[in-house]
Amino acid sequence: MLIARLIADADGLETRLKGAAAALAKIGTSDGIQIGSKSLADGKSILQISLESGDAAQLRTIIEEHLSPAAAMITQRNYAPLNLFISDMDSTMIEQECIDELAHFAGLKDKVSDITERAMQGELDFESALRERVGLLAGLPETAIADCLEKRISPMPGARTLVQTLKAKGCRAVLVTGGFHHFADAIAEQLGFDRVVGNRLEVVDGKLTGELEGPIADSATKLAVLLEEEAKLSTGVTLATGDGANDIPMLQAANYGFAYRAKPKAREAASGWIDNRDLTAILELLDVPRSDWAE
């Protein structure tokens, strides 16, 4: 069984659904197709398209061409309660890239942001790009981190509701980031994560040295943490969210992997994607009733 669930504009939906059904028929998947829908309060609709057989990539192409969803996911399994939620932090659980905002205090934001963007697009080696950016911050007072957290960092819309709702349903939440514990520990406490994995900025005499302490947390780390946490579960259904190239292994390994307002490579690799809706779209797509949301 191949199942797609998506959030689409209700305007002209019937016509667009007919177009999608015709396109599915052309690729030989019209037999055994079921389409259901329900309305949301904001003029959008949640659709579910179920196929007895078919190709996920072709289904995705048809969905995007005909229905232009704000958010969607495609799976070959029935929806089930989650046991593990693992997420990236920067540009996923928070609206910013912490290292870019920290660079603001050194007058280097544009230079650092350019390196960050290229790394997240998968154009640069993550570790080399990280060390280069951290090196540019050498000499910055440690107090700039607290200032940055207070003045320039904000949770992504829907982030706390998503984490708290999943936890209320018995889901363990892990924040794993290529960013820094100086930020991630505070964000995790604010949003409700149970565990944090990330990098550590080296500080000597109250100033950043431009170096990192300990091993690098990168894409391999994110995947390893997911597998480690998954192994602790007697039965496990996992959800992962991220936005950059270094999130791809984690997104692909999870039962449900959501690319959130993501770079093209991450969006293409994930089985779920959210383009222009907040993080509570995940709850909508997983059919968690709004009455169960932890507001």
Foldseek 3Di string as FASTA:
>chain_A
DKKKKFKFAQVVVVVLVVVLLVQCVVVPFNPQWDKDWDDDPPRIIIMMIDTPDDDLVSNVVSCCVRGVTLKMFMAPDDQDQAAEEEEEPAVAFKNHDLLLLLCVQVVCNVVLVVLVVCVQLVNDDPVVNVLVSLLSQAFPFPVSLVVSLVPPIDTFPPQLLVQVLSVVVNYAYEYEYQDEPSNVVVSCVVSPHDYYHYWHFDDDPRTTHSDTPDDGRFLVNLLVVVVVVCVVDPDGAYEYEEAGPRVLNVQQVGSAREHECHRVVNRVRHRMYRNPDTPCVVVVRSVPDPVSTDD
